[in-house]
């Protein structure tokens, strides 16, 4: 759930802190008081685009901070853990700063900086925000297949369909490439043949460049290596009074003192180790001297080979490894040409198998969609009974289309508000108030299926009133079993059912307009309901009506539950 929301220097909000509760939270207030500013702040922490024009005039930066508490099974925890973000007690604090200077912005989650795109991914797991734009999404037929698949729990099968179709598309693309640009392919084949032959003539071997460089260093410095190695072996081991002899003599002398101190024995032991190391080092130096031989002929051969490899390296990528890489890739490409007919047959078989697999998955999708559509139709019409659309009918049309990423179906939601009238596409027959109720019905059904903890409704009551508004309030309360709800409303029938009621207002202080958000109760809440009802706050009748709404809300809710299946 959303525990708290802080808005500082955003719009006309100077510094607002809202502590939300479980259940239904409603925000009410006069038009222009700043209710939408609150929803806008939530959108910012969910990753919506921000601009410097949002910052309160005179402030250096605007800040929005939201704290969420999520359940242990929310997938957002896995996402955050994989990204290295520390989580304590399933608490997620998202902070968004918009800085006036150059429009810079900072996003953090639990103190760790994140990108806007990552913020959006996190937001998808935390909040389902429904506003006026969702009405338009419902009217667009292209979105109906997604609504149906969500309701039918077909996401995994959809993913399987997408994977199979992408395999088919990729193979089909390769086959088309074999057919296209034959002349260009011929020229490429001839060029690749020349290049492969040229590299094979040089015949570079893996690791050869490093071995040549090492050998070149040794041959170029052979005289000096022999001279220094021979001299130092002589000094260390061979000459009279060599380093090894001196250590041996020191060992004898110091060992004679062993009876006087225990440390003497340790010193002797270390000197003996030093003597062994001197002799080992000397032997290694002598071995190097014996192995190195000045060979001008071999040196010239090595230098010629290095020059040969450098020349071909510059032609094929600039490094020795680039020659090998180019050669391997060219051989693969040549093999594709040489085995073109065989590859074509293999690819055609693979394409046919991928197409068959896609068709079979599409058939399964269609079968499941038909079943889901039948259930959705019945459940939607039951929801309509609760939403003042007792005579309305809802249907889902599924027609065959060409195979694609989503299967082979065209899905369309159909609606009729009046008896005797056939169902038609939503965009053709549904009014604004009906669309609001259809969307709420969908949200009520889908809300039981997702794991998103917070649902926000921005003026879901548009074009509603009377008894229908009361039923919408009851319907929202049903969603409280699965989600925390935050609702902006103009209707008292919805506001009276709130667990927490926040009144949004604006006032002028020292010539500046400021928005205030107050958690109201008791008489303040009664007065706000009177205002929403359009009554006179001094009227006993209006006040009594508002009190009765608060007093009777639980009875109405229980009655509403009896009508919902």
Protein backbone atom coordinates (compact mmCIF):
# COMPACT_ATOMS: atom_id res chain seq x y z
CA UNK A 1 0.00 0.00 0.00
CA UNK A 2 0.97 3.65 -0.35
CA UNK A 3 1.80 4.74 3.19
CA UNK A 4 2.69 8.36 2.62
CA UNK A 5 3.11 10.92 -0.11
CA UNK A 6 5.10 14.12 0.27
CA UNK A 7 4.84 16.92 -2.27
CA UNK A 8 7.21 19.87 -1.92
CA UNK A 9 7.35 22.90 -4.24
CA UNK A 10 5.33 21.30 -7.01
CA UNK A 11 2.74 23.58 -8.62
CA UNK A 12 0.88 25.39 -5.88
CA UNK A 13 1.87 22.80 -3.28
CA UNK A 14 4.49 24.26 -0.94
CA UNK A 15 4.93 21.29 1.40
CA UNK A 16 2.20 18.64 1.72
CA UNK A 17 2.39 15.32 3.58
CA UNK A 18 -0.46 12.83 3.12
CA UNK A 19 -0.58 9.69 5.27
CA UNK A 20 -2.87 7.23 3.54
CA UNK A 21 -4.67 4.37 5.23
CA UNK A 22 -5.74 0.92 4.18
CA UNK A 23 -9.07 0.63 2.41
CA UNK A 24 -10.72 3.49 0.54
CA UNK A 25 -9.02 6.89 0.58
CA UNK A 26 -10.94 9.71 -1.11
CA UNK A 27 -9.82 13.21 -2.07
CA UNK A 28 -12.47 15.86 -2.48
CA UNK A 29 -12.48 19.61 -2.91
CA UNK A 30 -13.49 22.48 -5.13
CA UNK A 31 -12.50 22.41 -8.78
CA UNK A 32 -8.98 23.82 -9.13
CA UNK A 33 -8.06 23.22 -5.47
CA UNK A 34 -5.27 20.80 -6.39
CA UNK A 35 -6.73 17.30 -6.36
CA UNK A 36 -5.21 16.46 -9.73
CA UNK A 37 -1.89 17.81 -8.46
CA UNK A 38 -1.84 14.92 -5.98
CA UNK A 39 -2.40 12.37 -8.73
CA UNK A 40 0.24 14.14 -10.81
CA UNK A 41 2.70 13.74 -7.96
CA UNK A 42 2.02 10.00 -7.84
CA UNK A 43 2.59 9.83 -11.59
CA UNK A 44 5.98 11.50 -11.10
CA UNK A 45 7.18 8.83 -8.67
CA UNK A 46 5.93 6.23 -11.15
CA UNK A 47 8.21 7.63 -13.84
CA UNK A 48 6.11 10.12 -15.76
CA UNK A 49 7.99 12.84 -17.63
CA UNK A 50 8.78 15.93 -15.53
CA UNK A 51 9.51 19.50 -16.53
CA UNK A 52 10.90 22.56 -14.77
CA UNK A 53 7.53 24.27 -15.26
CA UNK A 54 6.20 21.98 -12.50
CA UNK A 55 8.45 23.59 -9.88
CA UNK A 56 6.79 26.17 -7.65
CA UNK A 57 7.80 29.67 -8.65
CA UNK A 58 10.85 30.84 -6.71
CA UNK A 59 11.91 27.35 -5.56
CA UNK A 60 15.20 25.76 -6.61
CA UNK A 61 13.73 22.29 -6.92
CA UNK A 62 10.54 20.31 -6.55
CA UNK A 63 10.41 17.05 -4.59
CA UNK A 64 7.95 14.17 -4.55
CA UNK A 65 8.51 11.25 -2.18
CA UNK A 66 6.33 8.18 -1.75
CA UNK A 67 6.68 5.26 0.64
CA UNK A 68 5.10 1.91 -0.27
CA UNK A 69 4.67 -1.21 1.81
CA UNK A 70 4.41 -4.36 -0.32
CA UNK A 71 3.74 -8.01 0.38
CA UNK A 72 6.57 -10.53 0.23
CA UNK A 73 5.14 -12.13 -2.92
CA UNK A 74 5.16 -8.91 -4.94
CA UNK A 75 7.48 -9.40 -7.93
CA UNK A 76 8.83 -5.87 -7.48
CA UNK A 77 11.03 -7.20 -4.66
CA UNK A 78 12.74 -9.60 -7.08
CA UNK A 79 13.26 -6.76 -9.56
CA UNK A 80 14.82 -4.51 -6.91
CA UNK A 81 16.99 -7.29 -5.47
CA UNK A 82 18.38 -8.16 -8.90
CA UNK A 83 19.24 -4.48 -9.35
CA UNK A 84 21.17 -4.39 -6.07
CA UNK A 85 18.70 -2.15 -4.22
CA UNK A 86 18.41 -2.86 -0.51
CA UNK A 87 14.92 -3.55 0.85
CA UNK A 88 14.05 -3.41 4.55
CA UNK A 89 10.74 -4.79 5.84
CA UNK A 90 9.25 -4.75 2.29
CA UNK A 91 9.37 -0.93 2.43
CA UNK A 92 10.05 0.98 -0.80
CA UNK A 93 10.78 4.72 -0.72
CA UNK A 94 10.77 6.43 -4.12
CA UNK A 95 12.06 9.98 -4.34
CA UNK A 96 11.96 12.24 -7.38
CA UNK A 97 13.69 15.62 -7.48
CA UNK A 98 13.24 18.14 -10.28
CA UNK A 99 15.97 20.78 -10.24
CA UNK A 100 15.26 24.16 -11.83
CA UNK A 101 18.83 24.60 -13.04
CA UNK A 102 19.03 23.11 -16.56
CA UNK A 103 16.05 20.90 -15.80
CA UNK A 104 18.16 18.26 -14.09
CA UNK A 105 16.39 15.51 -12.19
CA UNK A 106 17.27 12.80 -9.67
CA UNK A 107 15.38 9.55 -9.06
CA UNK A 108 16.15 7.25 -6.14
CA UNK A 109 14.68 4.09 -4.67
CA UNK A 110 15.68 3.47 -1.06
CA UNK A 111 18.53 5.92 -1.61
CA UNK A 112 19.91 4.22 -4.74
CA UNK A 113 19.88 6.27 -7.95
CA UNK A 114 17.81 4.77 -10.77
CA UNK A 115 16.75 5.70 -14.30
CA UNK A 116 13.31 6.89 -15.32
CA UNK A 117 12.76 3.72 -17.37
CA UNK A 118 13.56 1.56 -14.33
CA UNK A 119 11.23 3.70 -12.23
CA UNK A 120 8.42 2.94 -14.69
CA UNK A 121 9.10 -0.80 -14.40
CA UNK A 122 8.87 -0.57 -10.62
CA UNK A 123 5.71 1.54 -10.84
CA UNK A 124 3.97 -1.13 -12.92
CA UNK A 125 4.18 -3.47 -9.92
CA UNK A 126 2.97 -0.89 -7.38
CA UNK A 127 0.10 1.18 -8.77
CA UNK A 128 -2.76 0.73 -11.23
CA UNK A 129 -3.79 4.29 -12.07
CA UNK A 130 -7.10 4.77 -13.85
CA UNK A 131 -7.94 8.16 -15.32
CA UNK A 132 -9.79 9.69 -18.22
CA UNK A 133 -7.24 8.38 -20.75
CA UNK A 134 -8.25 4.81 -19.82
CA UNK A 135 -11.71 5.50 -21.21
CA UNK A 136 -10.07 6.13 -24.56
CA UNK A 137 -8.04 2.90 -24.24
CA UNK A 138 -11.27 0.97 -23.71
CA UNK A 139 -12.80 2.50 -26.82
CA UNK A 140 -9.86 1.39 -28.98
CA UNK A 141 -10.63 -2.07 -30.33
CA UNK A 142 -6.93 -2.92 -30.67
CA UNK A 143 -6.71 -3.03 -26.84
CA UNK A 144 -9.59 -5.45 -26.34
CA UNK A 145 -7.48 -8.56 -26.98
CA UNK A 146 -5.18 -7.52 -24.13
CA UNK A 147 -8.15 -7.00 -21.78
CA UNK A 148 -9.50 -10.46 -22.65
CA UNK A 149 -6.14 -12.22 -22.30
CA UNK A 150 -5.55 -10.56 -18.93
CA UNK A 151 -8.93 -11.74 -17.71
CA UNK A 152 -8.33 -15.25 -19.05
CA UNK A 153 -4.87 -15.56 -17.44
CA UNK A 154 -3.37 -16.10 -20.88
CA UNK A 155 -0.17 -14.11 -20.40
CA UNK A 156 2.05 -17.22 -20.35
CA UNK A 157 0.43 -18.64 -23.47
CA UNK A 158 0.71 -15.24 -25.16
CA UNK A 159 4.43 -15.24 -24.36
CA UNK A 160 4.74 -18.74 -25.80
CA UNK A 161 2.98 -17.53 -28.94
CA UNK A 162 5.29 -14.52 -29.23
CA UNK A 163 8.40 -16.70 -28.89
CA UNK A 164 7.22 -19.17 -31.55
CA UNK A 165 6.20 -16.38 -33.93
CA UNK A 166 9.52 -14.56 -33.51
CA UNK A 167 11.38 -17.78 -34.40
CA UNK A 168 9.25 -18.10 -37.55
CA UNK A 169 9.85 -14.46 -38.52
CA UNK A 170 13.61 -14.79 -38.04
CA UNK A 171 13.85 -17.91 -40.22
CA UNK A 172 11.59 -16.39 -42.84
CA UNK A 173 13.82 -13.33 -42.91
CA UNK A 174 16.89 -15.51 -43.58
CA UNK A 175 15.13 -17.24 -46.47
CA UNK A 176 14.22 -13.91 -48.02
CA UNK A 177 17.81 -12.81 -47.70
CA UNK A 178 18.86 -15.84 -49.76
CA UNK A 179 16.47 -14.76 -52.51
CA UNK A 180 17.27 -11.05 -52.51
CA UNK A 181 20.20 -9.34 -54.15
CA UNK A 182 21.61 -12.39 -55.99
CA UNK A 183 24.13 -10.28 -57.88
CA UNK A 184 25.27 -8.65 -54.67
CA UNK A 185 25.62 -12.07 -53.09
CA UNK A 186 27.74 -13.28 -56.03
CA UNK A 187 30.11 -10.34 -55.66
CA UNK A 188 30.34 -10.92 -51.92
CA UNK A 189 31.08 -14.60 -52.51
CA UNK A 190 33.96 -13.76 -54.87
CA UNK A 191 35.39 -11.20 -52.49
CA UNK A 192 35.15 -13.56 -49.52
CA UNK A 193 36.85 -16.31 -51.54
CA UNK A 194 39.77 -13.97 -52.33
CA UNK A 195 40.06 -12.78 -48.74
CA UNK A 196 39.99 -16.28 -47.27
CA UNK A 197 42.66 -17.41 -49.77
CA UNK A 198 44.84 -14.39 -48.95
CA UNK A 199 44.67 -15.11 -45.21
CA UNK A 200 45.32 -18.82 -45.74
CA UNK A 201 48.45 -17.95 -47.75
CA UNK A 202 49.78 -16.12 -44.71
CA UNK A 203 48.42 -18.85 -42.42
CA UNK A 204 48.38 -16.99 -39.07
CA UNK A 205 48.22 -19.29 -36.05
CA UNK A 206 46.54 -18.53 -32.76
CA UNK A 207 49.07 -17.12 -30.27
CA UNK A 208 51.77 -16.88 -32.96
CA UNK A 209 52.11 -13.09 -32.62
CA UNK A 210 52.99 -13.28 -28.93
CA UNK A 211 55.52 -16.10 -29.46
CA UNK A 212 57.18 -14.18 -32.29
CA UNK A 213 57.48 -11.04 -30.17
CA UNK A 214 59.05 -13.02 -27.34
CA UNK A 215 61.49 -14.73 -29.70
CA UNK A 216 62.34 -11.40 -31.35
CA UNK A 217 63.22 -9.87 -27.98
CA UNK A 218 65.50 -12.80 -27.14
CA UNK A 219 67.26 -12.86 -30.53
CA UNK A 220 67.67 -9.08 -30.65
CA UNK A 221 69.37 -9.10 -27.27
CA UNK A 222 71.15 -12.46 -27.48
CA UNK A 223 74.69 -11.15 -26.91
CA UNK A 224 73.71 -9.05 -23.91
CA UNK A 225 71.59 -11.86 -22.40
CA UNK A 226 74.46 -14.35 -22.73
CA UNK A 227 77.00 -11.90 -21.31
CA UNK A 228 74.93 -10.81 -18.31
CA UNK A 229 73.60 -14.31 -17.56
CA UNK A 230 77.06 -15.89 -17.72
CA UNK A 231 78.63 -13.21 -15.52
CA UNK A 232 75.91 -13.36 -12.90
CA UNK A 233 75.98 -17.16 -12.76
CA UNK A 234 79.71 -16.91 -12.19
CA UNK A 235 79.20 -14.34 -9.41
CA UNK A 236 76.45 -16.31 -7.72
CA UNK A 237 77.74 -19.84 -7.91
CA UNK A 238 81.06 -20.50 -9.71
CA UNK A 239 83.78 -18.14 -8.63
CA UNK A 240 85.78 -18.55 -5.48
CA UNK A 241 84.10 -16.72 -2.67
CA UNK A 242 80.82 -16.55 -4.67
CA UNK A 243 77.59 -15.41 -3.13
CA UNK A 244 76.73 -19.03 -2.41
CA UNK A 245 80.11 -19.58 -0.69
CA UNK A 246 79.66 -16.51 1.46
CA UNK A 247 76.26 -17.69 2.64
CA UNK A 248 77.70 -21.15 3.46
CA UNK A 249 80.49 -19.55 5.47
CA UNK A 250 78.00 -17.35 7.33
CA UNK A 251 75.89 -20.39 8.14
CA UNK A 252 78.87 -22.18 9.75
CA UNK A 253 79.82 -19.17 11.83
CA UNK A 254 76.30 -18.38 13.03
CA UNK A 255 75.47 -22.03 13.64
CA UNK A 256 78.32 -22.18 16.15
CA UNK A 257 76.34 -19.72 18.27
CA UNK A 258 73.29 -21.97 18.43
CA UNK A 259 73.83 -22.88 22.05
CA UNK A 260 73.50 -19.25 23.10
CA UNK A 261 70.13 -18.29 21.57
CA UNK A 262 67.08 -20.06 20.17
CA UNK A 263 66.80 -17.33 17.52
CA UNK A 264 70.14 -18.42 16.06
CA UNK A 265 68.60 -21.67 14.79
CA UNK A 266 65.86 -19.74 13.03
CA UNK A 267 68.43 -17.47 11.39
CA UNK A 268 70.45 -20.49 10.23
CA UNK A 269 67.34 -22.07 8.74
CA UNK A 270 66.52 -18.90 6.80
CA UNK A 271 70.10 -18.61 5.53
CA UNK A 272 69.99 -22.20 4.29
CA UNK A 273 66.81 -21.35 2.37
CA UNK A 274 68.56 -18.28 0.95
CA UNK A 275 71.49 -20.43 -0.20
CA UNK A 276 69.10 -22.81 -1.99
CA UNK A 277 67.38 -19.91 -3.70
CA UNK A 278 70.71 -18.42 -4.81
CA UNK A 279 71.77 -21.73 -6.33
CA UNK A 280 68.35 -22.25 -8.00
CA UNK A 281 68.45 -18.74 -9.44
CA UNK A 282 71.99 -19.28 -10.67
CA UNK A 283 70.99 -22.50 -12.43
CA UNK A 284 68.06 -20.76 -14.08
CA UNK A 285 70.33 -17.95 -15.30
CA UNK A 286 72.82 -20.49 -16.70
CA UNK A 287 69.98 -22.29 -18.48
CA UNK A 288 68.88 -19.04 -20.12
CA UNK A 289 72.44 -18.34 -21.20
CA UNK A 290 72.74 -21.83 -22.70
CA UNK A 291 69.45 -21.50 -24.58
CA UNK A 292 70.08 -18.10 -26.13
CA UNK A 293 72.14 -18.11 -29.27
CA UNK A 294 72.81 -15.20 -31.60
CA UNK A 295 71.25 -16.22 -34.93
CA UNK A 296 71.04 -13.39 -37.48
CA UNK A 297 69.33 -15.62 -40.03
CA UNK A 298 66.56 -16.63 -37.62
CA UNK A 299 66.22 -13.01 -36.43
CA UNK A 300 65.63 -11.90 -40.02
CA UNK A 301 63.05 -14.65 -40.49
CA UNK A 302 61.20 -13.60 -37.35
CA UNK A 303 61.19 -9.93 -38.37
CA UNK A 304 59.90 -10.81 -41.86
CA UNK A 305 57.11 -12.89 -40.34
CA UNK A 306 56.14 -10.09 -37.94
CA UNK A 307 56.03 -7.64 -40.85
CA UNK A 308 53.88 -10.06 -42.85
CA UNK A 309 51.40 -10.43 -40.01
CA UNK A 310 51.33 -6.66 -39.36
CA UNK A 311 50.54 -6.02 -43.02
CA UNK A 312 47.59 -8.38 -43.13
CA UNK A 313 46.42 -7.21 -39.68
CA UNK A 314 46.12 -3.64 -40.96
CA UNK A 315 44.03 -4.93 -43.85
CA UNK A 316 41.65 -7.01 -41.74
CA UNK A 317 40.84 -5.04 -38.63
CA UNK A 318 44.08 -3.67 -37.20
CA UNK A 319 45.05 -6.42 -34.77
CA UNK A 320 46.27 -10.00 -34.94
CA UNK A 321 43.09 -11.29 -33.31
CA UNK A 322 41.01 -9.39 -35.88
CA UNK A 323 42.58 -11.50 -38.66
CA UNK A 324 41.49 -14.71 -36.95
CA UNK A 325 38.02 -13.34 -36.25
CA UNK A 326 37.57 -12.14 -39.81
CA UNK A 327 38.77 -15.45 -41.19
CA UNK A 328 36.34 -17.47 -39.02
CA UNK A 329 33.39 -15.24 -39.95
CA UNK A 330 34.31 -15.28 -43.65
CA UNK A 331 34.51 -19.09 -43.65
CA UNK A 332 31.06 -19.30 -42.06
CA UNK A 333 29.62 -16.88 -44.61
CA UNK A 334 31.28 -18.79 -47.48
CA UNK A 335 29.84 -22.03 -46.17
CA UNK A 336 26.39 -20.46 -46.25
CA UNK A 337 26.91 -19.71 -49.93
CA UNK A 338 28.47 -23.07 -50.77
CA UNK A 339 25.75 -24.94 -48.91
CA UNK A 340 23.07 -22.55 -50.11
CA UNK A 341 20.72 -25.16 -51.54
CA UNK A 342 21.16 -27.43 -48.55
CA UNK A 343 20.69 -24.49 -46.15
CA UNK A 344 17.58 -23.42 -48.01
CA UNK A 345 16.03 -26.83 -47.58
CA UNK A 346 16.96 -26.91 -43.88
CA UNK A 347 15.64 -23.38 -43.35
CA UNK A 348 12.41 -24.15 -45.18
CA UNK A 349 11.86 -27.18 -42.96
CA UNK A 350 12.59 -25.10 -39.87
CA UNK A 351 10.26 -22.36 -41.07
CA UNK A 352 7.45 -24.84 -41.70
CA UNK A 353 7.91 -26.34 -38.25
CA UNK A 354 7.94 -22.90 -36.64
CA UNK A 355 4.80 -21.94 -38.56
CA UNK A 356 3.04 -25.17 -37.55
CA UNK A 357 4.00 -24.57 -33.93
CA UNK A 358 2.71 -20.99 -34.12
CA UNK A 359 -0.58 -22.18 -35.62
CA UNK A 360 -1.07 -24.80 -32.90
CA UNK A 361 -0.42 -22.28 -30.14
CA UNK A 362 -2.75 -19.81 -31.88
CA UNK A 363 -5.46 -22.49 -31.92
CA UNK A 364 -5.01 -23.04 -28.20
CA UNK A 365 -5.20 -19.30 -27.65
CA UNK A 366 -8.41 -19.09 -29.65
CA UNK A 367 -10.00 -21.94 -27.68
CA UNK A 368 -9.09 -20.35 -24.35
CA UNK A 369 -10.20 -16.92 -25.53
CA UNK A 370 -13.60 -18.27 -26.51
CA UNK A 371 -14.00 -19.78 -23.02
CA UNK A 372 -12.71 -16.63 -21.32
CA UNK A 373 -15.02 -14.48 -23.48
CA UNK A 374 -18.08 -16.49 -22.45
CA UNK A 375 -17.20 -16.15 -18.76
CA UNK A 376 -16.33 -12.45 -19.15
CA UNK A 377 -19.66 -11.77 -20.88
CA UNK A 378 -21.63 -13.35 -18.01
CA UNK A 379 -19.55 -11.71 -15.28
CA UNK A 380 -19.73 -8.29 -16.93
CA UNK A 381 -23.50 -8.47 -17.17
CA UNK A 382 -23.65 -9.41 -13.47
CA UNK A 383 -21.47 -6.39 -12.74
CA UNK A 384 -23.84 -4.27 -14.86
CA UNK A 385 -26.72 -5.29 -12.59
CA UNK A 386 -24.91 -3.61 -9.71
CA UNK A 387 -24.01 -0.52 -11.73
CA UNK A 388 -27.45 0.57 -12.89
CA UNK A 389 -27.19 -1.12 -16.29
CA UNK A 390 -29.73 -3.86 -15.64
CA UNK A 391 -30.94 -3.98 -19.24
CA UNK A 392 -27.52 -3.68 -20.83
CA UNK A 393 -25.85 -6.50 -22.70
CA UNK A 394 -22.15 -7.17 -23.17
CA UNK A 395 -20.51 -9.53 -25.62
CA UNK A 396 -17.08 -10.39 -26.95
CA UNK A 397 -16.60 -10.92 -30.66
CA UNK A 398 -13.72 -13.16 -31.76
CA UNK A 399 -13.03 -13.35 -35.49
CA UNK A 400 -10.20 -15.00 -37.39
CA UNK A 401 -7.43 -12.80 -38.71
CA UNK A 402 -4.04 -13.45 -40.26
CA UNK A 403 -1.51 -15.08 -37.94
CA UNK A 404 0.57 -12.62 -35.94
CA UNK A 405 2.38 -12.09 -32.65
CA UNK A 406 -0.91 -12.31 -30.71
CA UNK A 407 -2.31 -15.36 -32.47
CA UNK A 408 -4.97 -15.28 -35.15
CA UNK A 409 -7.85 -13.48 -33.46
CA UNK A 410 -9.52 -10.11 -33.76
CA UNK A 411 -11.23 -9.33 -30.45
CA UNK A 412 -13.90 -6.70 -30.07
CA UNK A 413 -16.05 -5.73 -27.06
CA UNK A 414 -19.70 -5.19 -28.00
CA UNK A 415 -22.34 -3.36 -25.98
CA UNK A 416 -26.02 -2.52 -26.01
CA UNK A 417 -27.67 -0.36 -23.35
CA UNK A 418 -31.25 -0.82 -24.55
CA UNK A 419 -33.47 -3.92 -24.92
CA UNK A 420 -34.29 -4.78 -28.51
CA UNK A 421 -31.10 -3.21 -29.83
CA UNK A 422 -28.30 -5.42 -31.10
CA UNK A 423 -24.84 -5.26 -29.55
CA UNK A 424 -22.42 -3.00 -31.38
CA UNK A 425 -18.81 -1.86 -30.89
CA UNK A 426 -18.33 0.16 -27.69
CA UNK A 427 -17.12 3.24 -29.53
CA UNK A 428 -20.34 3.36 -31.54
CA UNK A 429 -22.96 3.06 -28.80
CA UNK A 430 -21.60 3.69 -25.27
CA UNK A 431 -22.08 7.08 -23.62
CA UNK A 432 -19.53 8.69 -21.29
CA UNK A 433 -21.33 7.50 -18.17
CA UNK A 434 -21.66 3.99 -19.55
CA UNK A 435 -17.98 3.85 -20.46
CA UNK A 436 -17.08 4.82 -16.86
CA UNK A 437 -19.21 2.00 -15.53
CA UNK A 438 -17.92 -0.54 -18.06
CA UNK A 439 -14.36 0.32 -17.10
CA UNK A 440 -15.20 0.00 -13.40
CA UNK A 441 -16.79 -3.40 -14.07
CA UNK A 442 -13.61 -4.52 -15.83
CA UNK A 443 -11.45 -3.19 -13.02
CA UNK A 444 -13.62 -5.01 -10.49
CA UNK A 445 -13.12 -8.31 -12.31
CA UNK A 446 -9.43 -7.81 -13.08
CA UNK A 447 -8.66 -6.47 -9.61
CA UNK A 448 -9.06 -9.95 -8.17
CA UNK A 449 -6.45 -11.33 -10.57
CA UNK A 450 -3.49 -8.98 -10.29
CA UNK A 451 -1.00 -8.41 -7.49
CA UNK A 452 -0.83 -4.62 -7.77
CA UNK A 453 -1.34 -3.27 -4.24
CA UNK A 454 -2.64 0.24 -5.04
CA UNK A 455 -5.46 1.27 -7.37
CA UNK A 456 -6.00 4.97 -8.06
CA UNK A 457 -9.16 6.29 -9.71
CA UNK A 458 -9.03 9.84 -11.01
CA UNK A 459 -12.68 10.98 -11.28
CA UNK A 460 -14.17 7.54 -12.02
CA UNK A 461 -17.55 9.15 -11.31
CA UNK A 462 -17.51 11.32 -14.44
CA UNK A 463 -21.02 11.53 -15.91
CA UNK A 464 -22.51 9.57 -13.01
CA UNK A 465 -24.98 10.54 -10.33
CA UNK A 466 -27.91 9.45 -8.20
CA UNK A 467 -28.38 5.82 -7.27
CA UNK A 468 -25.73 4.74 -9.78
CA UNK A 469 -23.14 6.78 -7.91
CA UNK A 470 -24.08 4.99 -4.67
CA UNK A 471 -23.62 1.61 -6.35
CA UNK A 472 -20.26 2.73 -7.75
CA UNK A 473 -19.23 3.56 -4.19
CA UNK A 474 -20.22 0.09 -3.06
CA UNK A 475 -18.37 -1.43 -6.01
CA UNK A 476 -15.21 0.43 -5.06
CA UNK A 477 -15.49 -0.96 -1.56
CA UNK A 478 -15.50 -4.48 -2.98
CA UNK A 479 -12.09 -3.79 -4.46
CA UNK A 480 -10.81 -3.03 -0.94
CA UNK A 481 -10.59 -6.79 -0.38
CA UNK A 482 -7.73 -6.87 -2.86
CA UNK A 483 -6.27 -3.36 -3.04
CA UNK A 484 -5.76 -0.08 -1.30
CA UNK A 485 -7.91 2.49 -3.16
CA UNK A 486 -7.23 6.18 -3.69
CA UNK A 487 -10.11 7.99 -5.39
CA UNK A 488 -10.69 11.56 -6.52
CA UNK A 489 -14.43 12.14 -6.53
CA UNK A 490 -17.06 14.84 -6.78
CA UNK A 491 -19.84 12.62 -5.46
CA UNK A 492 -20.93 12.44 -1.84
CA UNK A 493 -22.25 8.90 -2.39
CA UNK A 494 -18.68 7.76 -2.92
CA UNK A 495 -16.96 10.09 -0.43
CA UNK A 496 -19.16 8.96 2.46
CA UNK A 497 -17.80 5.41 2.19
CA UNK A 498 -14.15 6.38 2.66
CA UNK A 499 -11.90 4.90 5.31
CA UNK A 500 -9.93 8.16 5.13
CA UNK A 501 -11.33 11.38 3.68
CA UNK A 502 -8.89 14.07 2.55
CA UNK A 503 -10.18 17.54 1.72
CA UNK A 504 -8.09 19.51 -0.75
CA UNK A 505 -8.30 23.29 -0.62
CA UNK A 506 -6.30 26.31 -1.65
CA UNK A 507 -5.76 29.60 0.14
CA UNK A 508 -3.75 32.77 -0.37
CA UNK A 509 -0.98 33.61 2.10
CA UNK A 510 1.21 36.68 1.67
CA UNK A 511 0.07 37.00 -1.90
CA UNK A 512 0.90 33.34 -2.77
CA UNK A 513 -1.59 30.58 -3.47
CA UNK A 514 -1.03 27.36 -1.55
CA UNK A 515 -2.75 23.98 -1.68
CA UNK A 516 -3.63 22.22 1.57
CA UNK A 517 -4.63 18.57 2.10
CA UNK A 518 -6.37 17.78 5.37
CA UNK A 519 -7.55 14.42 6.70
CA UNK A 520 -11.02 15.33 7.90
CA UNK A 521 -13.48 13.65 10.25
CA UNK A 522 -16.54 14.39 12.33
CA UNK A 523 -18.21 17.72 11.55
CA UNK A 524 -15.56 18.74 9.01
CA UNK A 525 -16.51 15.71 7.00
CA UNK A 526 -20.20 16.43 7.37
CA UNK A 527 -19.67 19.96 6.10
CA UNK A 528 -17.67 18.72 3.11
CA UNK A 529 -20.44 16.26 2.19
CA UNK A 530 -22.97 19.11 2.42
CA UNK A 531 -20.83 21.14 0.02
CA UNK A 532 -20.63 18.21 -2.38
CA UNK A 533 -24.40 17.81 -2.20
CA UNK A 534 -24.78 21.48 -3.09
CA UNK A 535 -26.53 22.26 0.19
CA UNK A 536 -26.37 25.07 2.70
CA UNK A 537 -23.98 24.35 5.59
CA UNK A 538 -26.29 26.31 7.87
CA UNK A 539 -29.29 24.20 6.91
CA UNK A 540 -30.25 21.59 9.51
CA UNK A 541 -31.84 19.50 6.79
CA UNK A 542 -28.65 19.47 4.66
CA UNK A 543 -26.50 18.65 7.68
CA UNK A 544 -28.81 15.84 8.72
CA UNK A 545 -28.74 14.41 5.20
CA UNK A 546 -24.93 14.37 5.24
CA UNK A 547 -24.86 12.72 8.67
CA UNK A 548 -27.29 10.06 7.48
CA UNK A 549 -24.99 9.22 4.56
CA UNK A 550 -22.13 8.59 6.98
CA UNK A 551 -24.36 6.74 9.42
CA UNK A 552 -25.96 4.43 6.86
CA UNK A 553 -22.98 3.74 4.65
CA UNK A 554 -22.27 0.32 6.20
CA UNK A 555 -25.84 -0.90 5.72
CA UNK A 556 -25.71 0.13 2.08
CA UNK A 557 -22.43 -1.61 1.61
CA UNK A 558 -23.77 -4.85 3.02
CA UNK A 559 -26.80 -4.61 0.79
CA UNK A 560 -24.51 -4.03 -2.18
CA UNK A 561 -22.54 -7.18 -1.34
CA UNK A 562 -25.69 -9.28 -1.67
CA UNK A 563 -26.02 -8.23 -5.29
CA UNK A 564 -22.45 -9.09 -6.30
CA UNK A 565 -21.38 -12.60 -7.18
